[in-house]
Amino acid sequence: MSRLSPRTILLFIFIITIFIIVFIVVFIIVFIIAIFIIVFTIIVFTIIVFTIIVFIIIVIFIIVFIIAIFIIIVFIIIVFIIIVFIIIA
């Protein structure tokens, strides 16, 4: 059985240290890329949702506006009819 020299042990520790450093660096890079992808996805999703919400709000506003105009026209016609009836009576 061969005896391990201090140089071999140091080399072994050095190699393990390099592997650990490389692993940590790769892990950090992958983690940063993952965070960027998640943030990008959230931003895109938020923009899409925001656009849909704004579109729905605009559509609702237009519908309410049309209904309001219709109610105002009906109200004016009713008032006009009442005034005509008062004038006739």
PDB file of N, CA and C in Angstrom:
ATOM      1  N   MET A   1       0.857  -1.195   0.000  1.00  0.00           N
ATOM      2  CA  MET A   1       0.000   0.000   0.000  1.00  0.00           C
ATOM      3  C   MET A   1       0.893   1.245   0.000  1.00  0.00           C
ATOM      4  N   SER A   2       0.676   2.105  -0.981  1.00  0.00           N
ATOM      5  CA  SER A   2       1.526   3.290  -1.088  1.00  0.00           C
ATOM      6  C   SER A   2       1.056   4.374  -0.133  1.00  0.00           C
ATOM      7  N   ARG A   3       2.051   5.046   0.440  1.00  0.00           N
ATOM      8  CA  ARG A   3       1.746   6.125   1.388  1.00  0.00           C
ATOM      9  C   ARG A   3       1.500   7.419   0.600  1.00  0.00           C
ATOM     10  N   LEU A   4       0.427   8.177   0.996  1.00  0.00           N
ATOM     11  CA  LEU A   4       0.124   9.439   0.323  1.00  0.00           C
ATOM     12  C   LEU A   4       1.082  10.521   0.814  1.00  0.00           C
ATOM     13  N   SER A   5       1.755  11.161  -0.111  1.00  0.00           N
ATOM     14  CA  SER A   5       2.672  12.242   0.262  1.00  0.00           C
ATOM     15  C   SER A   5       1.866  13.523   0.496  1.00  0.00           C
ATOM     16  N   PRO A   6       2.376  14.469   1.280  1.00  0.00           N
ATOM     17  CA  PRO A   6       1.682  15.744   1.534  1.00  0.00           C
ATOM     18  C   PRO A   6       1.340  16.469   0.241  1.00  0.00           C
ATOM     19  N   ARG A   7       2.238  16.352  -0.763  1.00  0.00           N
ATOM     20  CA  ARG A   7       1.990  17.021  -2.045  1.00  0.00           C
ATOM     21  C   ARG A   7       0.721  16.450  -2.698  1.00  0.00           C
ATOM     22  N   THR A   8       0.559  15.127  -2.669  1.00  0.00           N
ATOM     23  CA  THR A   8      -0.620  14.478  -3.260  1.00  0.00           C
ATOM     24  C   THR A   8      -1.893  14.931  -2.536  1.00  0.00           C
ATOM     25  N   ILE A   9      -1.824  15.004  -1.198  1.00  0.00           N
ATOM     26  CA  ILE A   9      -2.983  15.437  -0.399  1.00  0.00           C
ATOM     27  C   ILE A   9      -3.329  16.881  -0.745  1.00  0.00           C
ATOM     28  N   LEU A  10      -2.306  17.756  -0.838  1.00  0.00           N
ATOM     29  CA  LEU A  10      -2.536  19.163  -1.198  1.00  0.00           C
ATOM     30  C   LEU A  10      -3.147  19.268  -2.596  1.00  0.00           C
ATOM     31  N   LEU A  11      -2.653  18.470  -3.533  1.00  0.00           N
ATOM     32  CA  LEU A  11      -3.174  18.472  -4.892  1.00  0.00           C
ATOM     33  C   LEU A  11      -4.639  18.038  -4.894  1.00  0.00           C
ATOM     34  N   PHE A  12      -4.914  16.992  -4.112  1.00  0.00           N
ATOM     35  CA  PHE A  12      -6.282  16.481  -3.996  1.00  0.00           C
ATOM     36  C   PHE A  12      -7.218  17.558  -3.434  1.00  0.00           C
ATOM     37  N   ILE A  13      -6.793  18.228  -2.358  1.00  0.00           N
ATOM     38  CA  ILE A  13      -7.567  19.319  -1.737  1.00  0.00           C
ATOM     39  C   ILE A  13      -7.753  20.458  -2.740  1.00  0.00           C
ATOM     40  N   PHE A  14      -6.690  20.775  -3.487  1.00  0.00           N
ATOM     41  CA  PHE A  14      -6.722  21.846  -4.488  1.00  0.00           C
ATOM     42  C   PHE A  14      -7.771  21.526  -5.565  1.00  0.00           C
ATOM     43  N   ILE A  15      -7.745  20.266  -6.053  1.00  0.00           N
ATOM     44  CA  ILE A  15      -8.711  19.846  -7.081  1.00  0.00           C
ATOM     45  C   ILE A  15     -10.138  19.924  -6.545  1.00  0.00           C
ATOM     46  N   ILE A  16     -10.347  19.442  -5.319  1.00  0.00           N
ATOM     47  CA  ILE A  16     -11.677  19.494  -4.698  1.00  0.00           C
ATOM     48  C   ILE A  16     -12.130  20.949  -4.562  1.00  0.00           C
ATOM     49  N   THR A  17     -11.215  21.825  -4.115  1.00  0.00           N
ATOM     50  CA  THR A  17     -11.529  23.252  -3.961  1.00  0.00           C
ATOM     51  C   THR A  17     -11.931  23.862  -5.306  1.00  0.00           C
ATOM     52  N   ILE A  18     -11.171  23.553  -6.365  1.00  0.00           N
ATOM     53  CA  ILE A  18     -11.498  24.070  -7.699  1.00  0.00           C
ATOM     54  C   ILE A  18     -12.876  23.592  -8.136  1.00  0.00           C
ATOM     55  N   PHE A  19     -13.136  22.278  -7.910  1.00  0.00           N
ATOM     56  CA  PHE A  19     -14.456  21.740  -8.270  1.00  0.00           C
ATOM     57  C   PHE A  19     -15.572  22.457  -7.514  1.00  0.00           C
ATOM     58  N   ILE A  20     -15.362  22.688  -6.212  1.00  0.00           N
ATOM     59  CA  ILE A  20     -16.375  23.374  -5.391  1.00  0.00           C
ATOM     60  C   ILE A  20     -16.587  24.797  -5.904  1.00  0.00           C
ATOM     61  N   ILE A  21     -15.480  25.514  -6.205  1.00  0.00           N
ATOM     62  CA  ILE A  21     -15.584  26.895  -6.704  1.00  0.00           C
ATOM     63  C   ILE A  21     -16.326  26.926  -8.038  1.00  0.00           C
ATOM     64  N   VAL A  22     -15.934  26.007  -8.945  1.00  0.00           N
ATOM     65  CA  VAL A  22     -16.610  25.938 -10.254  1.00  0.00           C
ATOM     66  C   VAL A  22     -18.096  25.642 -10.058  1.00  0.00           C
ATOM     67  N   PHE A  23     -18.407  24.685  -9.174  1.00  0.00           N
ATOM     68  CA  PHE A  23     -19.802  24.338  -8.912  1.00  0.00           C
ATOM     69  C   PHE A  23     -20.579  25.540  -8.386  1.00  0.00           C
ATOM     70  N   ILE A  24     -19.987  26.278  -7.422  1.00  0.00           N
ATOM     71  CA  ILE A  24     -20.639  27.463  -6.840  1.00  0.00           C
ATOM     72  C   ILE A  24     -20.857  28.524  -7.913  1.00  0.00           C
ATOM     73  N   VAL A  25     -19.817  28.767  -8.758  1.00  0.00           N
ATOM     74  CA  VAL A  25     -19.938  29.778  -9.810  1.00  0.00           C
ATOM     75  C   VAL A  25     -21.038  29.398 -10.797  1.00  0.00           C
ATOM     76  N   VAL A  26     -21.029  28.122 -11.242  1.00  0.00           N
ATOM     77  CA  VAL A  26     -22.058  27.646 -12.168  1.00  0.00           C
ATOM     78  C   VAL A  26     -23.435  27.765 -11.526  1.00  0.00           C
ATOM     79  N   PHE A  27     -23.539  27.387 -10.246  1.00  0.00           N
ATOM     80  CA  PHE A  27     -24.806  27.469  -9.528  1.00  0.00           C
ATOM     81  C   PHE A  27     -25.302  28.916  -9.474  1.00  0.00           C
ATOM     82  N   ILE A  28     -24.387  29.855  -9.156  1.00  0.00           N
ATOM     83  CA  ILE A  28     -24.748  31.280  -9.077  1.00  0.00           C
ATOM     84  C   ILE A  28     -25.211  31.783 -10.445  1.00  0.00           C
ATOM     85  N   ILE A  29     -24.469  31.404 -11.513  1.00  0.00           N
ATOM     86  CA  ILE A  29     -24.840  31.843 -12.869  1.00  0.00           C
ATOM     87  C   ILE A  29     -26.229  31.310 -13.234  1.00  0.00           C
ATOM     88  N   VAL A  30     -26.441  30.009 -12.998  1.00  0.00           N
ATOM     89  CA  VAL A  30     -27.746  29.396 -13.295  1.00  0.00           C
ATOM     90  C   VAL A  30     -28.840  30.073 -12.472  1.00  0.00           C
ATOM     91  N   PHE A  31     -28.549  30.343 -11.187  1.00  0.00           N
ATOM     92  CA  PHE A  31     -29.510  30.994 -10.296  1.00  0.00           C
ATOM     93  C   PHE A  31     -29.872  32.383 -10.816  1.00  0.00           C
ATOM     94  N   ILE A  32     -28.847  33.159 -11.236  1.00  0.00           N
ATOM     95  CA  ILE A  32     -29.075  34.511 -11.773  1.00  0.00           C
ATOM     96  C   ILE A  32     -29.909  34.440 -13.057  1.00  0.00           C
ATOM     97  N   ILE A  33     -29.561  33.491 -13.958  1.00  0.00           N
ATOM     98  CA  ILE A  33     -30.325  33.324 -15.197  1.00  0.00           C
ATOM     99  C   ILE A  33     -31.781  32.959 -14.872  1.00  0.00           C
ATOM    100  N   ALA A  34     -31.959  32.055 -13.909  1.00  0.00           N
ATOM    101  CA  ALA A  34     -33.311  31.650 -13.508  1.00  0.00           C
ATOM    102  C   ALA A  34     -34.091  32.851 -12.964  1.00  0.00           C
ATOM    103  N   ILE A  35     -33.436  33.665 -12.130  1.00  0.00           N
ATOM    104  CA  ILE A  35     -34.100  34.858 -11.579  1.00  0.00           C
ATOM    105  C   ILE A  35     -34.491  35.810 -12.712  1.00  0.00           C
ATOM    106  N   PHE A  36     -33.560  36.010 -13.683  1.00  0.00           N
ATOM    107  CA  PHE A  36     -33.865  36.882 -14.824  1.00  0.00           C
ATOM    108  C   PHE A  36     -35.055  36.354 -15.612  1.00  0.00           C
ATOM    109  N   ILE A  37     -35.075  35.026 -15.852  1.00  0.00           N
ATOM    110  CA  ILE A  37     -36.189  34.423 -16.605  1.00  0.00           C
ATOM    111  C   ILE A  37     -37.498  34.611 -15.849  1.00  0.00           C
ATOM    112  N   ILE A  38     -37.473  34.382 -14.527  1.00  0.00           N
ATOM    113  CA  ILE A  38     -38.687  34.528 -13.707  1.00  0.00           C
ATOM    114  C   ILE A  38     -39.169  35.977 -13.737  1.00  0.00           C
ATOM    115  N   VAL A  39     -38.237  36.928 -13.529  1.00  0.00           N
ATOM    116  CA  VAL A  39     -38.593  38.354 -13.524  1.00  0.00           C
ATOM    117  C   VAL A  39     -39.157  38.763 -14.887  1.00  0.00           C
ATOM    118  N   PHE A  40     -38.487  38.312 -15.973  1.00  0.00           N
ATOM    119  CA  PHE A  40     -38.953  38.622 -17.329  1.00  0.00           C
ATOM    120  C   PHE A  40     -40.361  38.075 -17.561  1.00  0.00           C
ATOM    121  N   THR A  41     -40.564  36.813 -17.140  1.00  0.00           N
ATOM    122  CA  THR A  41     -41.883  36.185 -17.279  1.00  0.00           C
ATOM    123  C   THR A  41     -42.935  36.970 -16.500  1.00  0.00           C
ATOM    124  N   ILE A  42     -42.604  37.360 -15.271  1.00  0.00           N
ATOM    125  CA  ILE A  42     -43.551  38.124 -14.443  1.00  0.00           C
ATOM    126  C   ILE A  42     -43.870  39.464 -15.102  1.00  0.00           C
ATOM    127  N   ILE A  43     -42.824  40.145 -15.642  1.00  0.00           N
ATOM    128  CA  ILE A  43     -43.043  41.442 -16.297  1.00  0.00           C
ATOM    129  C   ILE A  43     -43.942  41.276 -17.517  1.00  0.00           C
ATOM    130  N   VAL A  44     -43.628  40.278 -18.369  1.00  0.00           N
ATOM    131  CA  VAL A  44     -44.435  40.049 -19.569  1.00  0.00           C
ATOM    132  C   VAL A  44     -45.870  39.702 -19.180  1.00  0.00           C
ATOM    133  N   PHE A  45     -46.017  38.803 -18.182  1.00  0.00           N
ATOM    134  CA  PHE A  45     -47.349  38.401 -17.720  1.00  0.00           C
ATOM    135  C   PHE A  45     -48.115  39.619 -17.193  1.00  0.00           C
ATOM    136  N   THR A  46     -47.411  40.454 -16.407  1.00  0.00           N
ATOM    137  CA  THR A  46     -48.040  41.660 -15.849  1.00  0.00           C
ATOM    138  C   THR A  46     -48.496  42.595 -16.965  1.00  0.00           C
ATOM    139  N   ILE A  47     -47.637  42.786 -17.991  1.00  0.00           N
ATOM    140  CA  ILE A  47     -47.998  43.662 -19.112  1.00  0.00           C
ATOM    141  C   ILE A  47     -49.235  43.112 -19.825  1.00  0.00           C
ATOM    142  N   ILE A  48     -49.244  41.784 -20.073  1.00  0.00           N
ATOM    143  CA  ILE A  48     -50.386  41.171 -20.764  1.00  0.00           C
ATOM    144  C   ILE A  48     -51.661  41.341 -19.931  1.00  0.00           C
ATOM    145  N   VAL A  49     -51.566  41.003 -18.633  1.00  0.00           N
ATOM    146  CA  VAL A  49     -52.731  41.127 -17.738  1.00  0.00           C
ATOM    147  C   VAL A  49     -53.191  42.579 -17.669  1.00  0.00           C
ATOM    148  N   PHE A  50     -52.219  43.510 -17.530  1.00  0.00           N
ATOM    149  CA  PHE A  50     -52.540  44.937 -17.456  1.00  0.00           C
ATOM    150  C   PHE A  50     -53.263  45.390 -18.724  1.00  0.00           C
ATOM    151  N   THR A  51     -52.753  44.942 -19.889  1.00  0.00           N
ATOM    152  CA  THR A  51     -53.386  45.289 -21.170  1.00  0.00           C
ATOM    153  C   THR A  51     -54.809  44.756 -21.222  1.00  0.00           C
ATOM    154  N   ILE A  52     -54.997  43.498 -20.816  1.00  0.00           N
ATOM    155  CA  ILE A  52     -56.336  42.889 -20.821  1.00  0.00           C
ATOM    156  C   ILE A  52     -57.263  43.666 -19.885  1.00  0.00           C
ATOM    157  N   ILE A  53     -56.771  44.002 -18.671  1.00  0.00           N
ATOM    158  CA  ILE A  53     -57.585  44.737 -17.695  1.00  0.00           C
ATOM    159  C   ILE A  53     -57.965  46.112 -18.248  1.00  0.00           C
ATOM    160  N   VAL A  54     -56.985  46.810 -18.839  1.00  0.00           N
ATOM    161  CA  VAL A  54     -57.255  48.141 -19.419  1.00  0.00           C
ATOM    162  C   VAL A  54     -58.283  48.018 -20.540  1.00  0.00           C
ATOM    163  N   PHE A  55     -58.125  46.996 -21.396  1.00  0.00           N
ATOM    164  CA  PHE A  55     -59.067  46.764 -22.496  1.00  0.00           C
ATOM    165  C   PHE A  55     -60.475  46.525 -21.944  1.00  0.00           C
ATOM    166  N   ILE A  56     -60.576  45.670 -20.913  1.00  0.00           N
ATOM    167  CA  ILE A  56     -61.884  45.384 -20.297  1.00  0.00           C
ATOM    168  C   ILE A  56     -62.478  46.655 -19.702  1.00  0.00           C
ATOM    169  N   ILE A  57     -61.642  47.440 -19.009  1.00  0.00           N
ATOM    170  CA  ILE A  57     -62.122  48.691 -18.407  1.00  0.00           C
ATOM    171  C   ILE A  57     -62.632  49.644 -19.496  1.00  0.00           C
ATOM    172  N   ILE A  58     -61.873  49.756 -20.617  1.00  0.00           N
ATOM    173  CA  ILE A  58     -62.298  50.627 -21.715  1.00  0.00           C
ATOM    174  C   ILE A  58     -63.622  50.150 -22.302  1.00  0.00           C
ATOM    175  N   VAL A  59     -63.740  48.827 -22.518  1.00  0.00           N
ATOM    176  CA  VAL A  59     -64.991  48.262 -23.056  1.00  0.00           C
ATOM    177  C   VAL A  59     -66.155  48.546 -22.103  1.00  0.00           C
ATOM    178  N   ILE A  60     -65.941  48.303 -20.801  1.00  0.00           N
ATOM    179  CA  ILE A  60     -66.988  48.571 -19.805  1.00  0.00           C
ATOM    180  C   ILE A  60     -67.356  50.050 -19.822  1.00  0.00           C
ATOM    181  N   PHE A  61     -66.337  50.924 -19.888  1.00  0.00           N
ATOM    182  CA  PHE A  61     -66.574  52.367 -19.917  1.00  0.00           C
ATOM    183  C   PHE A  61     -67.414  52.745 -21.138  1.00  0.00           C
ATOM    184  N   ILE A  62     -67.069  52.172 -22.307  1.00  0.00           N
ATOM    185  CA  ILE A  62     -67.835  52.467 -23.529  1.00  0.00           C
ATOM    186  C   ILE A  62     -69.276  51.984 -23.383  1.00  0.00           C
ATOM    187  N   ILE A  63     -69.461  50.768 -22.857  1.00  0.00           N
ATOM    188  CA  ILE A  63     -70.812  50.221 -22.658  1.00  0.00           C
ATOM    189  C   ILE A  63     -71.617  51.110 -21.706  1.00  0.00           C
ATOM    190  N   VAL A  64     -70.986  51.483 -20.574  1.00  0.00           N
ATOM    191  CA  VAL A  64     -71.650  52.365 -19.600  1.00  0.00           C
ATOM    192  C   VAL A  64     -71.988  53.708 -20.245  1.00  0.00           C
ATOM    193  N   PHE A  65     -71.051  54.239 -21.045  1.00  0.00           N
ATOM    194  CA  PHE A  65     -71.259  55.513 -21.726  1.00  0.00           C
ATOM    195  C   PHE A  65     -72.463  55.424 -22.670  1.00  0.00           C
ATOM    196  N   ILE A  66     -72.528  54.321 -23.465  1.00  0.00           N
ATOM    197  CA  ILE A  66     -73.649  54.126 -24.393  1.00  0.00           C
ATOM    198  C   ILE A  66     -74.961  54.000 -23.623  1.00  0.00           C
ATOM    199  N   ILE A  67     -74.929  53.215 -22.528  1.00  0.00           N
ATOM    200  CA  ILE A  67     -76.138  53.047 -21.703  1.00  0.00           C
ATOM    201  C   ILE A  67     -76.556  54.397 -21.116  1.00  0.00           C
ATOM    202  N   ALA A  68     -75.572  55.175 -20.655  1.00  0.00           N
ATOM    203  CA  ALA A  68     -75.870  56.488 -20.076  1.00  0.00           C
ATOM    204  C   ALA A  68     -76.501  57.402 -21.127  1.00  0.00           C
ATOM    205  N   ILE A  69     -75.935  57.421 -22.330  1.00  0.00           N
ATOM    206  CA  ILE A  69     -76.507  58.236 -23.422  1.00  0.00           C
ATOM    207  C   ILE A  69     -77.936  57.774 -23.715  1.00  0.00           C
ATOM    208  N   PHE A  70     -78.126  56.449 -23.784  1.00  0.00           N
ATOM    209  CA  PHE A  70     -79.462  55.895 -24.052  1.00  0.00           C
ATOM    210  C   PHE A  70     -80.444  56.318 -22.965  1.00  0.00           C
ATOM    211  N   ILE A  71     -80.017  56.216 -21.676  1.00  0.00           N
ATOM    212  CA  ILE A  71     -80.889  56.616 -20.554  1.00  0.00           C
ATOM    213  C   ILE A  71     -81.208  58.105 -20.637  1.00  0.00           C
ATOM    214  N   ILE A  72     -80.202  58.930 -20.965  1.00  0.00           N
ATOM    215  CA  ILE A  72     -80.419  60.382 -21.080  1.00  0.00           C
ATOM    216  C   ILE A  72     -81.423  60.674 -22.199  1.00  0.00           C
ATOM    217  N   ILE A  73     -81.267  60.002 -23.349  1.00  0.00           N
ATOM    218  CA  ILE A  73     -82.194  60.206 -24.479  1.00  0.00           C
ATOM    219  C   ILE A  73     -83.609  59.804 -24.074  1.00  0.00           C
ATOM    220  N   VAL A  74     -83.738  58.627 -23.439  1.00  0.00           N
ATOM    221  CA  VAL A  74     -85.058  58.164 -22.975  1.00  0.00           C
ATOM    222  C   VAL A  74     -85.647  59.167 -21.982  1.00  0.00           C
ATOM    223  N   PHE A  75     -84.823  59.653 -21.044  1.00  0.00           N
ATOM    224  CA  PHE A  75     -85.264  60.622 -20.045  1.00  0.00           C
ATOM    225  C   PHE A  75     -85.749  61.902 -20.724  1.00  0.00           C
ATOM    226  N   ILE A  76     -84.979  62.389 -21.717  1.00  0.00           N
ATOM    227  CA  ILE A  76     -85.364  63.604 -22.449  1.00  0.00           C
ATOM    228  C   ILE A  76     -86.696  63.383 -23.173  1.00  0.00           C
ATOM    229  N   ILE A  77     -86.852  62.204 -23.808  1.00  0.00           N
ATOM    230  CA  ILE A  77     -88.113  61.891 -24.513  1.00  0.00           C
ATOM    231  C   ILE A  77     -89.273  61.863 -23.530  1.00  0.00           C
ATOM    232  N   ILE A  78     -89.070  61.218 -22.365  1.00  0.00           N
ATOM    233  CA  ILE A  78     -90.138  61.149 -21.350  1.00  0.00           C
ATOM    234  C   ILE A  78     -90.500  62.554 -20.874  1.00  0.00           C
ATOM    235  N   VAL A  79     -89.485  63.368 -20.558  1.00  0.00           N
ATOM    236  CA  VAL A  79     -89.737  64.747 -20.116  1.00  0.00           C
ATOM    237  C   VAL A  79     -90.474  65.521 -21.210  1.00  0.00           C
ATOM    238  N   PHE A  80     -90.056  65.353 -22.475  1.00  0.00           N
ATOM    239  CA  PHE A  80     -90.686  66.022 -23.610  1.00  0.00           C
ATOM    240  C   PHE A  80     -92.161  65.615 -23.717  1.00  0.00           C
ATOM    241  N   ILE A  81     -92.413  64.284 -23.581  1.00  0.00           N
ATOM    242  CA  ILE A  81     -93.802  63.787 -23.637  1.00  0.00           C
ATOM    243  C   ILE A  81     -94.621  64.383 -22.497  1.00  0.00           C
ATOM    244  N   ILE A  82     -94.047  64.433 -21.283  1.00  0.00           N
ATOM    245  CA  ILE A  82     -94.760  65.006 -20.128  1.00  0.00           C
ATOM    246  C   ILE A  82     -95.068  66.481 -20.391  1.00  0.00           C
ATOM    247  N   ILE A  83     -94.095  67.231 -20.905  1.00  0.00           N
ATOM    248  CA  ILE A  83     -94.315  68.656 -21.209  1.00  0.00           C
ATOM    249  C   ILE A  83     -95.413  68.807 -22.255  1.00  0.00           C
ATOM    250  N   VAL A  84     -95.381  67.967 -23.314  1.00  0.00           N
ATOM    251  CA  VAL A  84     -96.412  68.007 -24.358  1.00  0.00           C
ATOM    252  C   VAL A  84     -97.783  67.727 -23.746  1.00  0.00           C
ATOM    253  N   PHE A  85     -97.865  66.696 -22.865  1.00  0.00           N
ATOM    254  CA  PHE A  85     -99.153  66.386 -22.216  1.00  0.00           C
ATOM    255  C   PHE A  85     -99.633  67.535 -21.353  1.00  0.00           C
ATOM    256  N   ILE A  86     -98.688  68.191 -20.631  1.00  0.00           N
ATOM    257  CA  ILE A  86     -99.071  69.338 -19.788  1.00  0.00           C
ATOM    258  C   ILE A  86     -99.592  70.469 -20.679  1.00  0.00           C
ATOM    259  N   ILE A  87     -98.926  70.717 -21.829  1.00  0.00           N
ATOM    260  CA  ILE A  87     -99.358  71.784 -22.741  1.00  0.00           C
ATOM    261  C   ILE A  87    -100.744  71.456 -23.322  1.00  0.00           C
ATOM    262  N   ILE A  88    -100.936  70.185 -23.729  1.00  0.00           N
ATOM    263  CA  ILE A  88    -102.227  69.774 -24.314  1.00  0.00           C
ATOM    264  C   ILE A  88    -103.318  69.849 -23.249  1.00  0.00           C
ATOM    265  N   ALA A  89    -103.025  69.342 -22.033  1.00  0.00           N
ATOM    266  CA  ALA A  89    -104.018  69.351 -20.953  1.00  0.00           C
ATOM    267  C   ALA A  89    -104.118  70.754 -20.415  1.00  0.00           C
TER     268      ALA A  89
END
